[in-house]
């Protein structure tokens, strides 16, 4: 489920989800063509969570949090592509 949000709130949500766990930036996936829509994916390996930040240019317009059975950067990138295809 995509959660629409104001620009500054997604990073607060990411920090709350991560707690004291390390967060790493995984990948930025752009929508094909001249679209400014993109998704920046962050991972929290210790919790098997991926956080997809949906942006239009540099403005955050929503985010999606996925819990994985096993943490995988490949899976996170595939999820980002799937989200972009839905937009």
C-alpha atoms as a PDB file:
ATOM      1  CA  UNK A   1       0.000   0.000   0.000  1.00  0.00           C
ATOM      2  CA  UNK A   2       1.364   3.413  -0.966  1.00  0.00           C
ATOM      3  CA  UNK A   3       1.089   6.003   1.792  1.00  0.00           C
ATOM      4  CA  UNK A   4       0.736   9.569   0.531  1.00  0.00           C
ATOM      5  CA  UNK A   5       2.647  12.049   2.628  1.00  0.00           C
ATOM      6  CA  UNK A   6       4.006  15.531   2.951  1.00  0.00           C
ATOM      7  CA  UNK A   7       7.601  16.116   1.833  1.00  0.00           C
ATOM      8  CA  UNK A   8       9.330  16.054   5.207  1.00  0.00           C
ATOM      9  CA  UNK A   9       7.531  13.159   6.899  1.00  0.00           C
ATOM     10  CA  UNK A  10       8.856  10.060   5.080  1.00  0.00           C
ATOM     11  CA  UNK A  11      12.339  10.400   6.535  1.00  0.00           C
ATOM     12  CA  UNK A  12      10.866  10.636  10.020  1.00  0.00           C
ATOM     13  CA  UNK A  13       8.881   7.457   9.338  1.00  0.00           C
ATOM     14  CA  UNK A  14      12.051   5.746   8.074  1.00  0.00           C
ATOM     15  CA  UNK A  15      13.921   6.747  11.234  1.00  0.00           C
ATOM     16  CA  UNK A  16      11.100   5.471  13.442  1.00  0.00           C
ATOM     17  CA  UNK A  17      10.948   2.137  11.610  1.00  0.00           C
ATOM     18  CA  UNK A  18      14.730   1.696  11.716  1.00  0.00           C
ATOM     19  CA  UNK A  19      15.124   2.643  15.362  1.00  0.00           C
ATOM     20  CA  UNK A  20      18.761   1.984  16.183  1.00  0.00           C
ATOM     21  CA  UNK A  21      19.288  -0.285  13.139  1.00  0.00           C
ATOM     22  CA  UNK A  22      21.507   0.730  10.235  1.00  0.00           C
ATOM     23  CA  UNK A  23      19.785   2.116   7.115  1.00  0.00           C
ATOM     24  CA  UNK A  24      21.414   1.866   3.687  1.00  0.00           C
ATOM     25  CA  UNK A  25      20.402   3.408   0.398  1.00  0.00           C
ATOM     26  CA  UNK A  26      19.887   0.625  -2.121  1.00  0.00           C
ATOM     27  CA  UNK A  27      18.903   2.078  -5.447  1.00  0.00           C
ATOM     28  CA  UNK A  28      17.164   4.880  -7.345  1.00  0.00           C
ATOM     29  CA  UNK A  29      14.783   3.705 -10.075  1.00  0.00           C
ATOM     30  CA  UNK A  30      13.454   6.190 -12.640  1.00  0.00           C
ATOM     31  CA  UNK A  31      10.275   5.895 -14.662  1.00  0.00           C
ATOM     32  CA  UNK A  32      11.135   5.557 -18.394  1.00  0.00           C
ATOM     33  CA  UNK A  33      10.990   8.544 -20.720  1.00  0.00           C
ATOM     34  CA  UNK A  34      11.166  12.136 -19.590  1.00  0.00           C
ATOM     35  CA  UNK A  35       9.204  11.490 -16.404  1.00  0.00           C
ATOM     36  CA  UNK A  36      10.455  13.031 -13.167  1.00  0.00           C
ATOM     37  CA  UNK A  37       8.846  10.225 -11.144  1.00  0.00           C
ATOM     38  CA  UNK A  38      11.379   8.063  -9.311  1.00  0.00           C
ATOM     39  CA  UNK A  39      11.701   5.735  -6.365  1.00  0.00           C
ATOM     40  CA  UNK A  40      14.566   5.743  -3.905  1.00  0.00           C
ATOM     41  CA  UNK A  41      14.830   2.459  -2.007  1.00  0.00           C
ATOM     42  CA  UNK A  42      16.353   2.162   1.456  1.00  0.00           C
ATOM     43  CA  UNK A  43      17.042  -1.058   3.300  1.00  0.00           C
ATOM     44  CA  UNK A  44      17.111  -2.010   6.959  1.00  0.00           C
ATOM     45  CA  UNK A  45      18.911  -5.373   6.792  1.00  0.00           C
ATOM     46  CA  UNK A  46      18.620  -6.169  10.511  1.00  0.00           C
ATOM     47  CA  UNK A  47      14.817  -6.017  10.272  1.00  0.00           C
ATOM     48  CA  UNK A  48      14.407  -7.421   6.718  1.00  0.00           C
ATOM     49  CA  UNK A  49      12.592  -4.224   5.702  1.00  0.00           C
ATOM     50  CA  UNK A  50      12.714  -2.197   2.504  1.00  0.00           C
ATOM     51  CA  UNK A  51      11.441   1.395   2.426  1.00  0.00           C
ATOM     52  CA  UNK A  52      10.509   2.789  -1.006  1.00  0.00           C
ATOM     53  CA  UNK A  53      10.345   6.586  -1.164  1.00  0.00           C
ATOM     54  CA  UNK A  54       8.249   7.772  -4.130  1.00  0.00           C
ATOM     55  CA  UNK A  55       9.234  11.165  -5.525  1.00  0.00           C
ATOM     56  CA  UNK A  56       8.280  13.559  -8.268  1.00  0.00           C
ATOM     57  CA  UNK A  57      11.559  15.278  -8.985  1.00  0.00           C
ATOM     58  CA  UNK A  58      12.915  15.931  -5.501  1.00  0.00           C
ATOM     59  CA  UNK A  59       9.528  16.221  -3.804  1.00  0.00           C
ATOM     60  CA  UNK A  60       8.413  13.219  -1.762  1.00  0.00           C
ATOM     61  CA  UNK A  61       4.864  12.230  -2.643  1.00  0.00           C
ATOM     62  CA  UNK A  62       4.542   8.897  -0.847  1.00  0.00           C
ATOM     63  CA  UNK A  63       6.272   5.836   0.486  1.00  0.00           C
ATOM     64  CA  UNK A  64       5.776   2.111   0.787  1.00  0.00           C
ATOM     65  CA  UNK A  65       7.232  -0.219   3.408  1.00  0.00           C
ATOM     66  CA  UNK A  66       7.773  -3.913   2.628  1.00  0.00           C
ATOM     67  CA  UNK A  67       8.802  -6.648   5.043  1.00  0.00           C
ATOM     68  CA  UNK A  68      10.808  -9.371   3.293  1.00  0.00           C
ATOM     69  CA  UNK A  69      11.186 -13.009   4.290  1.00  0.00           C
ATOM     70  CA  UNK A  70      14.910 -12.529   3.755  1.00  0.00           C
ATOM     71  CA  UNK A  71      16.611  -9.194   3.080  1.00  0.00           C
ATOM     72  CA  UNK A  72      17.583  -8.885  -0.596  1.00  0.00           C
ATOM     73  CA  UNK A  73      18.684  -5.839  -2.577  1.00  0.00           C
ATOM     74  CA  UNK A  74      17.636  -7.612  -5.788  1.00  0.00           C
ATOM     75  CA  UNK A  75      14.108  -8.068  -4.420  1.00  0.00           C
ATOM     76  CA  UNK A  76      14.012  -4.396  -3.381  1.00  0.00           C
ATOM     77  CA  UNK A  77      14.937  -3.271  -6.904  1.00  0.00           C
ATOM     78  CA  UNK A  78      12.273  -5.541  -8.411  1.00  0.00           C
ATOM     79  CA  UNK A  79       9.698  -4.105  -6.004  1.00  0.00           C
ATOM     80  CA  UNK A  80      10.656  -0.553  -7.007  1.00  0.00           C
ATOM     81  CA  UNK A  81      10.178  -1.416 -10.683  1.00  0.00           C
ATOM     82  CA  UNK A  82       6.758  -2.927  -9.912  1.00  0.00           C
ATOM     83  CA  UNK A  83       5.689   0.199  -8.017  1.00  0.00           C
ATOM     84  CA  UNK A  84       6.799   2.423 -10.902  1.00  0.00           C
ATOM     85  CA  UNK A  85       4.809   0.297 -13.337  1.00  0.00           C
ATOM     86  CA  UNK A  86       1.694   0.868 -11.193  1.00  0.00           C
ATOM     87  CA  UNK A  87       2.118   4.663 -11.176  1.00  0.00           C
END
